[in-house]
């Protein structure tokens, strides 16, 4: 992840991005959030808010004060249940009476593989899950609805998080944390799922959207190029893991991580281990690697005989 940029826009200021789309940045910059969470406002008059952000009273005031005198929030859309995206939704809903729309709660959308890993003791890696998040309306993949005076399509894009939705409207997609320009998306099991992430990337690649508005950082005006880079980045890492595992014959997640991330600062090694494990889960599901005694974080991994 990148550090906070020197030229980040000011937090708390409502900015017009294009007709019908405004942005206000939350005051939560960090190496994981870049310049902070982008909260978007759709439409005029009766507006929709996408990703209200962290539970910050100053950001709440900035959202409400940034609206026009005759404007009201009629809907609150949440991409996913991480602490930098969803906690303010319930506060904003109580303040305005607007319903919260999302895919579901923080556990919605998990694959059977991830549920099994949780049952065997795998916990979240500290990425900040909003475990208390709930919504008033659950949106299905492909569901279309009116928000801010425009038609919006909910696109289920799990990978970074199981309940992750992207929202398409007037030729752009609000991609949350799934696609960003400044960093590749974090995929950390059991909340993150690399198999789902790659499928979600290919789902978006099949569309013809003109731009992406991520939840952190600048808009992406060449979506296809960014998707190609992200997919190739993951495929390159996958090939590196396979080559290293074949050379070592067998290895644990820490051993593989040490061999591949040999110049990574110690503080980032836990995140690197999560990333390696995410790839191994995907490779195991595809029959390319085997895990002994069973698929879990402390297993011993080998290439399958036919892949050696």
C-alpha atoms as a PDB file:
ATOM      1  CA  UNK A   1       0.000   0.000   0.000  1.00  0.00           C
ATOM      2  CA  UNK A   2       1.138   3.553  -0.711  1.00  0.00           C
ATOM      3  CA  UNK A   3       1.787   6.286   1.806  1.00  0.00           C
ATOM      4  CA  UNK A   4      -0.423   9.348   2.149  1.00  0.00           C
ATOM      5  CA  UNK A   5       0.174  11.506  -0.961  1.00  0.00           C
ATOM      6  CA  UNK A   6       1.666  14.962  -0.515  1.00  0.00           C
ATOM      7  CA  UNK A   7      -0.850  16.521  -2.887  1.00  0.00           C
ATOM      8  CA  UNK A   8      -4.010  14.990  -1.435  1.00  0.00           C
ATOM      9  CA  UNK A   9      -7.182  17.083  -1.769  1.00  0.00           C
ATOM     10  CA  UNK A  10      -8.515  18.634   1.448  1.00  0.00           C
ATOM     11  CA  UNK A  11     -10.881  16.580   3.553  1.00  0.00           C
ATOM     12  CA  UNK A  12     -14.370  17.795   4.329  1.00  0.00           C
ATOM     13  CA  UNK A  13     -14.932  19.827   1.147  1.00  0.00           C
ATOM     14  CA  UNK A  14     -17.760  18.907  -1.235  1.00  0.00           C
ATOM     15  CA  UNK A  15     -16.254  18.767  -4.733  1.00  0.00           C
ATOM     16  CA  UNK A  16     -18.105  18.455  -8.054  1.00  0.00           C
ATOM     17  CA  UNK A  17     -16.551  15.602 -10.044  1.00  0.00           C
ATOM     18  CA  UNK A  18     -18.959  15.740 -12.988  1.00  0.00           C
ATOM     19  CA  UNK A  19     -22.669  16.499 -13.423  1.00  0.00           C
ATOM     20  CA  UNK A  20     -24.592  14.452 -10.860  1.00  0.00           C
ATOM     21  CA  UNK A  21     -21.507  13.262  -8.946  1.00  0.00           C
ATOM     22  CA  UNK A  22     -19.877  14.975  -5.970  1.00  0.00           C
ATOM     23  CA  UNK A  23     -17.105  13.792  -3.641  1.00  0.00           C
ATOM     24  CA  UNK A  24     -16.207  14.613  -0.063  1.00  0.00           C
ATOM     25  CA  UNK A  25     -13.120  13.036   1.511  1.00  0.00           C
ATOM     26  CA  UNK A  26     -13.137  11.710   5.065  1.00  0.00           C
ATOM     27  CA  UNK A  27     -10.317  12.803   7.420  1.00  0.00           C
ATOM     28  CA  UNK A  28      -8.816   9.310   7.735  1.00  0.00           C
ATOM     29  CA  UNK A  29      -5.609   9.211   5.650  1.00  0.00           C
ATOM     30  CA  UNK A  30      -3.308   6.236   6.232  1.00  0.00           C
ATOM     31  CA  UNK A  31      -1.112   3.773   4.313  1.00  0.00           C
ATOM     32  CA  UNK A  32      -4.247   1.620   3.887  1.00  0.00           C
ATOM     33  CA  UNK A  33      -6.681   4.397   2.944  1.00  0.00           C
ATOM     34  CA  UNK A  34      -4.372   6.718   0.942  1.00  0.00           C
ATOM     35  CA  UNK A  35      -5.789  10.243   1.357  1.00  0.00           C
ATOM     36  CA  UNK A  36      -8.914   8.965   3.125  1.00  0.00           C
ATOM     37  CA  UNK A  37     -12.273   7.495   2.173  1.00  0.00           C
ATOM     38  CA  UNK A  38     -14.039   9.054  -0.801  1.00  0.00           C
ATOM     39  CA  UNK A  39     -17.699   9.585   0.070  1.00  0.00           C
ATOM     40  CA  UNK A  40     -19.742  10.195  -3.079  1.00  0.00           C
ATOM     41  CA  UNK A  41     -23.040  12.027  -3.472  1.00  0.00           C
ATOM     42  CA  UNK A  42     -25.277  11.147  -6.419  1.00  0.00           C
ATOM     43  CA  UNK A  43     -27.800  13.521  -7.933  1.00  0.00           C
ATOM     44  CA  UNK A  44     -29.337  16.758  -6.733  1.00  0.00           C
ATOM     45  CA  UNK A  45     -32.324  17.408  -4.504  1.00  0.00           C
ATOM     46  CA  UNK A  46     -33.048  13.929  -3.188  1.00  0.00           C
ATOM     47  CA  UNK A  47     -29.530  12.513  -3.225  1.00  0.00           C
ATOM     48  CA  UNK A  48     -27.854   9.182  -2.510  1.00  0.00           C
ATOM     49  CA  UNK A  49     -24.644   8.864  -0.505  1.00  0.00           C
ATOM     50  CA  UNK A  50     -22.120   6.123  -1.333  1.00  0.00           C
ATOM     51  CA  UNK A  51     -19.795   4.980   1.486  1.00  0.00           C
ATOM     52  CA  UNK A  52     -20.425   7.464   4.322  1.00  0.00           C
ATOM     53  CA  UNK A  53     -17.106   6.347   5.808  1.00  0.00           C
ATOM     54  CA  UNK A  54     -15.755   5.957   9.344  1.00  0.00           C
ATOM     55  CA  UNK A  55     -17.620   6.904  12.511  1.00  0.00           C
ATOM     56  CA  UNK A  56     -16.341  10.473  12.533  1.00  0.00           C
ATOM     57  CA  UNK A  57     -18.587  13.314  13.714  1.00  0.00           C
ATOM     58  CA  UNK A  58     -16.648  15.872  11.686  1.00  0.00           C
ATOM     59  CA  UNK A  59     -17.184  13.897   8.485  1.00  0.00           C
ATOM     60  CA  UNK A  60     -20.876  13.542   9.328  1.00  0.00           C
ATOM     61  CA  UNK A  61     -21.119  17.322   9.667  1.00  0.00           C
ATOM     62  CA  UNK A  62     -19.206  17.834   6.418  1.00  0.00           C
ATOM     63  CA  UNK A  63     -21.597  15.587   4.490  1.00  0.00           C
ATOM     64  CA  UNK A  64     -24.707  17.271   5.877  1.00  0.00           C
ATOM     65  CA  UNK A  65     -23.333  20.807   5.592  1.00  0.00           C
ATOM     66  CA  UNK A  66     -22.078  20.181   2.064  1.00  0.00           C
ATOM     67  CA  UNK A  67     -25.598  19.627   0.731  1.00  0.00           C
ATOM     68  CA  UNK A  68     -27.670  22.430  -0.746  1.00  0.00           C
ATOM     69  CA  UNK A  69     -30.434  24.082   1.336  1.00  0.00           C
ATOM     70  CA  UNK A  70     -33.175  22.147  -0.469  1.00  0.00           C
ATOM     71  CA  UNK A  71     -31.373  18.804  -0.601  1.00  0.00           C
ATOM     72  CA  UNK A  72     -32.006  15.700   1.464  1.00  0.00           C
ATOM     73  CA  UNK A  73     -30.364  12.283   1.649  1.00  0.00           C
ATOM     74  CA  UNK A  74     -32.870   9.674   0.502  1.00  0.00           C
ATOM     75  CA  UNK A  75     -30.587   6.593   0.298  1.00  0.00           C
ATOM     76  CA  UNK A  76     -27.272   5.419   1.718  1.00  0.00           C
ATOM     77  CA  UNK A  77     -25.309   2.924  -0.388  1.00  0.00           C
ATOM     78  CA  UNK A  78     -22.457   0.934   1.136  1.00  0.00           C
ATOM     79  CA  UNK A  79     -19.859  -0.944  -0.917  1.00  0.00           C
ATOM     80  CA  UNK A  80     -18.666  -3.189   1.937  1.00  0.00           C
ATOM     81  CA  UNK A  81     -18.393  -3.582   5.700  1.00  0.00           C
ATOM     82  CA  UNK A  82     -14.934  -2.275   6.505  1.00  0.00           C
ATOM     83  CA  UNK A  83     -14.483   0.316   9.259  1.00  0.00           C
ATOM     84  CA  UNK A  84     -13.357   3.028   6.845  1.00  0.00           C
ATOM     85  CA  UNK A  85     -16.533   2.645   4.741  1.00  0.00           C
ATOM     86  CA  UNK A  86     -19.637   1.625   6.660  1.00  0.00           C
ATOM     87  CA  UNK A  87     -19.838   2.695  10.341  1.00  0.00           C
ATOM     88  CA  UNK A  88     -21.160   6.202   9.632  1.00  0.00           C
ATOM     89  CA  UNK A  89     -24.048   4.708   7.637  1.00  0.00           C
ATOM     90  CA  UNK A  90     -26.138   3.922  10.717  1.00  0.00           C
ATOM     91  CA  UNK A  91     -25.506   7.365  12.220  1.00  0.00           C
ATOM     92  CA  UNK A  92     -26.368   9.099   8.950  1.00  0.00           C
ATOM     93  CA  UNK A  93     -29.482   6.948   8.612  1.00  0.00           C
ATOM     94  CA  UNK A  94     -30.703   7.948  12.078  1.00  0.00           C
ATOM     95  CA  UNK A  95     -29.980  11.592  11.303  1.00  0.00           C
ATOM     96  CA  UNK A  96     -31.794  11.648   7.953  1.00  0.00           C
ATOM     97  CA  UNK A  97     -34.206   8.705   7.952  1.00  0.00           C
ATOM     98  CA  UNK A  98     -32.564   7.367   4.785  1.00  0.00           C
ATOM     99  CA  UNK A  99     -32.417   3.554   4.381  1.00  0.00           C
ATOM    100  CA  UNK A 100     -29.085   1.734   4.063  1.00  0.00           C
ATOM    101  CA  UNK A 101     -28.643  -0.378   0.910  1.00  0.00           C
ATOM    102  CA  UNK A 102     -25.908  -3.027   0.644  1.00  0.00           C
ATOM    103  CA  UNK A 103     -25.334  -6.644  -0.350  1.00  0.00           C
ATOM    104  CA  UNK A 104     -25.839  -7.782   3.232  1.00  0.00           C
ATOM    105  CA  UNK A 105     -24.124  -7.852   6.608  1.00  0.00           C
ATOM    106  CA  UNK A 106     -20.413  -8.382   7.199  1.00  0.00           C
ATOM    107  CA  UNK A 107     -20.665 -12.173   6.743  1.00  0.00           C
ATOM    108  CA  UNK A 108     -22.814 -12.150   3.597  1.00  0.00           C
ATOM    109  CA  UNK A 109     -21.365 -13.658   0.444  1.00  0.00           C
ATOM    110  CA  UNK A 110     -18.624 -15.803   1.963  1.00  0.00           C
ATOM    111  CA  UNK A 111     -17.754 -18.882  -0.057  1.00  0.00           C
ATOM    112  CA  UNK A 112     -17.987 -22.379   1.412  1.00  0.00           C
ATOM    113  CA  UNK A 113     -14.174 -22.555   1.348  1.00  0.00           C
ATOM    114  CA  UNK A 114     -13.887 -19.445   3.511  1.00  0.00           C
ATOM    115  CA  UNK A 115     -16.627 -20.633   5.857  1.00  0.00           C
ATOM    116  CA  UNK A 116     -14.748 -23.903   6.318  1.00  0.00           C
ATOM    117  CA  UNK A 117     -11.508 -22.029   7.072  1.00  0.00           C
ATOM    118  CA  UNK A 118     -13.298 -19.928   9.697  1.00  0.00           C
ATOM    119  CA  UNK A 119     -14.737 -23.098  11.242  1.00  0.00           C
ATOM    120  CA  UNK A 120     -11.167 -24.399  11.540  1.00  0.00           C
ATOM    121  CA  UNK A 121     -10.056 -21.258  13.367  1.00  0.00           C
ATOM    122  CA  UNK A 122      -8.921 -18.772  10.700  1.00  0.00           C
ATOM    123  CA  UNK A 123      -9.721 -15.236  11.837  1.00  0.00           C
ATOM    124  CA  UNK A 124      -9.591 -11.877  10.108  1.00  0.00           C
ATOM    125  CA  UNK A 125      -6.169 -10.354   9.720  1.00  0.00           C
ATOM    126  CA  UNK A 126      -6.895  -7.021  11.362  1.00  0.00           C
ATOM    127  CA  UNK A 127      -8.135  -5.185   8.283  1.00  0.00           C
ATOM    128  CA  UNK A 128     -10.949  -3.544  10.241  1.00  0.00           C
ATOM    129  CA  UNK A 129     -14.217  -5.424   9.748  1.00  0.00           C
ATOM    130  CA  UNK A 130     -17.386  -3.576  10.780  1.00  0.00           C
ATOM    131  CA  UNK A 131     -18.907  -6.646  12.426  1.00  0.00           C
ATOM    132  CA  UNK A 132     -22.007  -4.737  13.532  1.00  0.00           C
ATOM    133  CA  UNK A 133     -22.930  -3.541  10.047  1.00  0.00           C
ATOM    134  CA  UNK A 134     -26.475  -4.212   8.883  1.00  0.00           C
ATOM    135  CA  UNK A 135     -28.568  -2.799   6.066  1.00  0.00           C
ATOM    136  CA  UNK A 136     -32.237  -2.029   5.538  1.00  0.00           C
ATOM    137  CA  UNK A 137     -32.347  -3.266   1.944  1.00  0.00           C
ATOM    138  CA  UNK A 138     -30.239  -6.140   0.561  1.00  0.00           C
ATOM    139  CA  UNK A 139     -29.314  -5.676  -3.080  1.00  0.00           C
ATOM    140  CA  UNK A 140     -28.887  -8.614  -5.467  1.00  0.00           C
ATOM    141  CA  UNK A 141     -26.191  -8.829  -8.118  1.00  0.00           C
ATOM    142  CA  UNK A 142     -27.430  -6.993 -11.214  1.00  0.00           C
ATOM    143  CA  UNK A 143     -30.344  -5.337  -9.412  1.00  0.00           C
ATOM    144  CA  UNK A 144     -31.261  -1.921 -10.792  1.00  0.00           C
ATOM    145  CA  UNK A 145     -32.901   0.840  -8.799  1.00  0.00           C
ATOM    146  CA  UNK A 146     -33.291   4.615  -8.796  1.00  0.00           C
ATOM    147  CA  UNK A 147     -30.984   6.699  -6.598  1.00  0.00           C
ATOM    148  CA  UNK A 148     -30.258  10.406  -6.809  1.00  0.00           C
ATOM    149  CA  UNK A 149     -32.531  10.658  -9.820  1.00  0.00           C
ATOM    150  CA  UNK A 150     -30.506   8.178 -11.878  1.00  0.00           C
ATOM    151  CA  UNK A 151     -30.642   4.460 -12.542  1.00  0.00           C
ATOM    152  CA  UNK A 152     -28.051   2.574 -10.513  1.00  0.00           C
ATOM    153  CA  UNK A 153     -27.002  -1.049 -10.989  1.00  0.00           C
ATOM    154  CA  UNK A 154     -25.615  -3.080  -8.094  1.00  0.00           C
ATOM    155  CA  UNK A 155     -22.696  -5.269  -9.185  1.00  0.00           C
ATOM    156  CA  UNK A 156     -21.571  -7.910  -6.695  1.00  0.00           C
ATOM    157  CA  UNK A 157     -17.763  -7.777  -6.770  1.00  0.00           C
ATOM    158  CA  UNK A 158     -16.493 -10.027  -3.965  1.00  0.00           C
ATOM    159  CA  UNK A 159     -12.768 -10.543  -3.563  1.00  0.00           C
ATOM    160  CA  UNK A 160     -11.488  -7.763  -1.349  1.00  0.00           C
ATOM    161  CA  UNK A 161     -14.492  -8.475   0.875  1.00  0.00           C
ATOM    162  CA  UNK A 162     -17.304 -11.004   0.497  1.00  0.00           C
ATOM    163  CA  UNK A 163     -20.181  -8.498   0.671  1.00  0.00           C
ATOM    164  CA  UNK A 164     -18.508  -6.008  -1.684  1.00  0.00           C
ATOM    165  CA  UNK A 165     -20.762  -4.215  -4.157  1.00  0.00           C
ATOM    166  CA  UNK A 166     -19.811  -1.822  -6.927  1.00  0.00           C
ATOM    167  CA  UNK A 167     -22.400   0.635  -8.197  1.00  0.00           C
ATOM    168  CA  UNK A 168     -22.785   1.572 -11.878  1.00  0.00           C
ATOM    169  CA  UNK A 169     -24.516   4.799 -12.922  1.00  0.00           C
ATOM    170  CA  UNK A 170     -24.391   7.084 -15.972  1.00  0.00           C
ATOM    171  CA  UNK A 171     -21.471   5.232 -17.537  1.00  0.00           C
ATOM    172  CA  UNK A 172     -19.198   5.046 -14.502  1.00  0.00           C
ATOM    173  CA  UNK A 173     -18.701   2.478 -11.732  1.00  0.00           C
ATOM    174  CA  UNK A 174     -18.095   3.271  -8.079  1.00  0.00           C
ATOM    175  CA  UNK A 175     -15.666   0.435  -7.389  1.00  0.00           C
ATOM    176  CA  UNK A 176     -15.147   0.759  -3.628  1.00  0.00           C
ATOM    177  CA  UNK A 177     -11.897  -1.022  -2.719  1.00  0.00           C
ATOM    178  CA  UNK A 178     -12.102  -3.544  -5.542  1.00  0.00           C
ATOM    179  CA  UNK A 179     -10.326  -1.413  -8.164  1.00  0.00           C
ATOM    180  CA  UNK A 180      -8.077   1.507  -7.209  1.00  0.00           C
ATOM    181  CA  UNK A 181      -5.411   3.402  -9.155  1.00  0.00           C
ATOM    182  CA  UNK A 182      -2.827   3.906  -6.396  1.00  0.00           C
ATOM    183  CA  UNK A 183      -2.636   0.316  -5.106  1.00  0.00           C
ATOM    184  CA  UNK A 184      -3.721  -3.216  -5.817  1.00  0.00           C
ATOM    185  CA  UNK A 185      -6.658  -4.325  -3.693  1.00  0.00           C
ATOM    186  CA  UNK A 186      -5.898  -6.171  -0.462  1.00  0.00           C
ATOM    187  CA  UNK A 187      -7.149  -9.767  -0.536  1.00  0.00           C
ATOM    188  CA  UNK A 188      -6.855 -11.299   2.927  1.00  0.00           C
ATOM    189  CA  UNK A 189      -8.695 -14.547   3.809  1.00  0.00           C
ATOM    190  CA  UNK A 190     -11.237 -15.271   5.138  1.00  0.00           C
ATOM    191  CA  UNK A 191     -12.811 -11.890   4.333  1.00  0.00           C
ATOM    192  CA  UNK A 192     -10.846 -11.668   1.093  1.00  0.00           C
ATOM    193  CA  UNK A 193     -11.098 -14.361  -1.562  1.00  0.00           C
ATOM    194  CA  UNK A 194      -8.699 -14.406  -4.522  1.00  0.00           C
ATOM    195  CA  UNK A 195     -10.833 -16.770  -6.602  1.00  0.00           C
ATOM    196  CA  UNK A 196     -13.735 -14.353  -6.230  1.00  0.00           C
ATOM    197  CA  UNK A 197     -11.472 -11.343  -6.814  1.00  0.00           C
ATOM    198  CA  UNK A 198     -10.304 -12.614 -10.197  1.00  0.00           C
ATOM    199  CA  UNK A 199     -13.865 -13.483 -11.214  1.00  0.00           C
ATOM    200  CA  UNK A 200     -15.023  -9.988 -10.212  1.00  0.00           C
ATOM    201  CA  UNK A 201     -12.224  -8.382 -12.244  1.00  0.00           C
ATOM    202  CA  UNK A 202     -13.257 -10.374 -15.296  1.00  0.00           C
ATOM    203  CA  UNK A 203     -16.908  -9.456 -14.701  1.00  0.00           C
ATOM    204  CA  UNK A 204     -16.028  -5.760 -14.787  1.00  0.00           C
ATOM    205  CA  UNK A 205     -13.759  -6.301 -17.797  1.00  0.00           C
ATOM    206  CA  UNK A 206     -16.751  -7.593 -19.773  1.00  0.00           C
ATOM    207  CA  UNK A 207     -18.448  -4.200 -19.384  1.00  0.00           C
ATOM    208  CA  UNK A 208     -17.852  -0.956 -21.303  1.00  0.00           C
ATOM    209  CA  UNK A 209     -17.806   1.646 -18.537  1.00  0.00           C
ATOM    210  CA  UNK A 210     -16.021   4.920 -19.274  1.00  0.00           C
ATOM    211  CA  UNK A 211     -14.503   5.526 -15.821  1.00  0.00           C
ATOM    212  CA  UNK A 212     -14.204   4.192 -12.289  1.00  0.00           C
ATOM    213  CA  UNK A 213     -14.608   6.140  -9.050  1.00  0.00           C
ATOM    214  CA  UNK A 214     -12.734   4.202  -6.320  1.00  0.00           C
ATOM    215  CA  UNK A 215     -13.321   4.720  -2.612  1.00  0.00           C
ATOM    216  CA  UNK A 216      -9.713   5.872  -2.174  1.00  0.00           C
ATOM    217  CA  UNK A 217      -7.655   7.979  -4.555  1.00  0.00           C
ATOM    218  CA  UNK A 218      -8.283   9.507  -7.953  1.00  0.00           C
ATOM    219  CA  UNK A 219     -10.826   8.428 -10.582  1.00  0.00           C
ATOM    220  CA  UNK A 220      -9.620   5.904 -13.166  1.00  0.00           C
ATOM    221  CA  UNK A 221     -10.199   7.119 -16.714  1.00  0.00           C
ATOM    222  CA  UNK A 222      -8.816   3.996 -18.424  1.00  0.00           C
ATOM    223  CA  UNK A 223     -10.693   1.147 -16.701  1.00  0.00           C
ATOM    224  CA  UNK A 224      -9.646  -1.581 -19.136  1.00  0.00           C
ATOM    225  CA  UNK A 225      -5.955  -0.791 -18.703  1.00  0.00           C
ATOM    226  CA  UNK A 226      -6.216  -0.854 -14.926  1.00  0.00           C
ATOM    227  CA  UNK A 227      -8.114  -4.144 -14.934  1.00  0.00           C
ATOM    228  CA  UNK A 228      -5.540  -5.692 -17.263  1.00  0.00           C
ATOM    229  CA  UNK A 229      -2.752  -4.581 -14.919  1.00  0.00           C
ATOM    230  CA  UNK A 230      -4.501  -5.976 -11.832  1.00  0.00           C
ATOM    231  CA  UNK A 231      -5.232  -9.331 -13.450  1.00  0.00           C
ATOM    232  CA  UNK A 232      -1.671  -9.651 -14.802  1.00  0.00           C
ATOM    233  CA  UNK A 233      -0.241  -8.583 -11.429  1.00  0.00           C
ATOM    234  CA  UNK A 234      -2.071 -11.429  -9.710  1.00  0.00           C
ATOM    235  CA  UNK A 235      -1.151 -13.939 -12.413  1.00  0.00           C
ATOM    236  CA  UNK A 236       2.513 -12.939 -12.096  1.00  0.00           C
ATOM    237  CA  UNK A 237       2.420 -13.454  -8.332  1.00  0.00           C
ATOM    238  CA  UNK A 238       0.678 -16.806  -8.840  1.00  0.00           C
ATOM    239  CA  UNK A 239       3.439 -17.944 -11.221  1.00  0.00           C
ATOM    240  CA  UNK A 240       6.083 -16.814  -8.729  1.00  0.00           C
ATOM    241  CA  UNK A 241       4.459 -18.814  -5.923  1.00  0.00           C
ATOM    242  CA  UNK A 242       4.235 -21.920  -8.099  1.00  0.00           C
ATOM    243  CA  UNK A 243       7.863 -21.641  -9.218  1.00  0.00           C
ATOM    244  CA  UNK A 244       9.104 -21.145  -5.667  1.00  0.00           C
ATOM    245  CA  UNK A 245       7.014 -24.018  -4.327  1.00  0.00           C
ATOM    246  CA  UNK A 246       8.268 -26.328  -7.076  1.00  0.00           C
ATOM    247  CA  UNK A 247      11.854 -25.381  -6.227  1.00  0.00           C
ATOM    248  CA  UNK A 248      11.378 -25.964  -2.485  1.00  0.00           C
ATOM    249  CA  UNK A 249       9.354 -29.167  -3.068  1.00  0.00           C
ATOM    250  CA  UNK A 250       7.226 -28.343  -0.013  1.00  0.00           C
ATOM    251  CA  UNK A 251       6.736 -25.222   2.102  1.00  0.00           C
ATOM    252  CA  UNK A 252       4.572 -23.453   4.644  1.00  0.00           C
ATOM    253  CA  UNK A 253       3.087 -20.000   4.126  1.00  0.00           C
ATOM    254  CA  UNK A 254       5.865 -18.273   6.169  1.00  0.00           C
ATOM    255  CA  UNK A 255       8.577 -20.133   4.231  1.00  0.00           C
ATOM    256  CA  UNK A 256       7.098 -19.154   0.874  1.00  0.00           C
ATOM    257  CA  UNK A 257       6.602 -15.579   2.010  1.00  0.00           C
ATOM    258  CA  UNK A 258      10.223 -15.258   3.174  1.00  0.00           C
ATOM    259  CA  UNK A 259      11.473 -16.590  -0.146  1.00  0.00           C
ATOM    260  CA  UNK A 260       9.277 -14.327  -2.288  1.00  0.00           C
ATOM    261  CA  UNK A 261       9.080 -11.133  -0.204  1.00  0.00           C
ATOM    262  CA  UNK A 262      12.766 -11.105   0.752  1.00  0.00           C
ATOM    263  CA  UNK A 263      13.047  -7.296   0.647  1.00  0.00           C
ATOM    264  CA  UNK A 264       9.759  -6.531   2.422  1.00  0.00           C
ATOM    265  CA  UNK A 265       9.920  -4.669   5.780  1.00  0.00           C
ATOM    266  CA  UNK A 266       9.097  -6.846   8.782  1.00  0.00           C
ATOM    267  CA  UNK A 267       5.997  -4.794   9.572  1.00  0.00           C
ATOM    268  CA  UNK A 268       4.440  -5.776   6.229  1.00  0.00           C
ATOM    269  CA  UNK A 269       5.229  -9.499   6.413  1.00  0.00           C
ATOM    270  CA  UNK A 270       1.882 -10.471   8.033  1.00  0.00           C
ATOM    271  CA  UNK A 271       0.000  -8.840   5.128  1.00  0.00           C
ATOM    272  CA  UNK A 272       2.338 -10.561   2.666  1.00  0.00           C
ATOM    273  CA  UNK A 273       1.648 -13.920   4.329  1.00  0.00           C
ATOM    274  CA  UNK A 274      -2.094 -13.319   3.973  1.00  0.00           C
ATOM    275  CA  UNK A 275      -1.584 -12.580   0.299  1.00  0.00           C
ATOM    276  CA  UNK A 276       0.430 -15.758  -0.256  1.00  0.00           C
ATOM    277  CA  UNK A 277      -2.196 -17.782   1.581  1.00  0.00           C
ATOM    278  CA  UNK A 278      -4.939 -16.223  -0.571  1.00  0.00           C
ATOM    279  CA  UNK A 279      -3.113 -17.451  -3.683  1.00  0.00           C
ATOM    280  CA  UNK A 280      -2.578 -20.912  -2.185  1.00  0.00           C
ATOM    281  CA  UNK A 281      -6.276 -21.257  -1.371  1.00  0.00           C
ATOM    282  CA  UNK A 282      -7.101 -20.424  -4.989  1.00  0.00           C
ATOM    283  CA  UNK A 283      -4.429 -22.812  -6.318  1.00  0.00           C
ATOM    284  CA  UNK A 284      -5.692 -25.595  -4.038  1.00  0.00           C
ATOM    285  CA  UNK A 285      -9.269 -25.085  -5.246  1.00  0.00           C
ATOM    286  CA  UNK A 286      -8.018 -25.479  -8.823  1.00  0.00           C
ATOM    287  CA  UNK A 287      -6.056 -28.644  -8.003  1.00  0.00           C
ATOM    288  CA  UNK A 288      -2.655 -27.072  -8.675  1.00  0.00           C
ATOM    289  CA  UNK A 289      -1.356 -27.421  -5.104  1.00  0.00           C
ATOM    290  CA  UNK A 290      -2.171 -29.759  -2.238  1.00  0.00           C
ATOM    291  CA  UNK A 291      -2.279 -28.922   1.464  1.00  0.00           C
ATOM    292  CA  UNK A 292      -1.304 -31.323   4.269  1.00  0.00           C
ATOM    293  CA  UNK A 293      -2.995 -32.316   6.500  1.00  0.00           C
ATOM    294  CA  UNK A 294      -5.808 -30.014   5.308  1.00  0.00           C
ATOM    295  CA  UNK A 295      -6.280 -26.577   3.804  1.00  0.00           C
ATOM    296  CA  UNK A 296      -5.442 -24.127   6.578  1.00  0.00           C
ATOM    297  CA  UNK A 297      -2.976 -21.348   7.305  1.00  0.00           C
ATOM    298  CA  UNK A 298      -0.356 -23.623   8.937  1.00  0.00           C
ATOM    299  CA  UNK A 299      -0.547 -26.415   6.344  1.00  0.00           C
ATOM    300  CA  UNK A 300       2.396 -27.735   4.325  1.00  0.00           C
ATOM    301  CA  UNK A 301       1.881 -27.064   0.617  1.00  0.00           C
ATOM    302  CA  UNK A 302       3.176 -28.988  -2.386  1.00  0.00           C
ATOM    303  CA  UNK A 303       2.631 -28.849  -6.105  1.00  0.00           C
ATOM    304  CA  UNK A 304       0.374 -31.669  -7.217  1.00  0.00           C
ATOM    305  CA  UNK A 305       2.214 -34.502  -8.957  1.00  0.00           C
ATOM    306  CA  UNK A 306       0.916 -33.634 -12.419  1.00  0.00           C
ATOM    307  CA  UNK A 307       1.986 -29.982 -11.967  1.00  0.00           C
ATOM    308  CA  UNK A 308       5.599 -30.680 -10.971  1.00  0.00           C
END
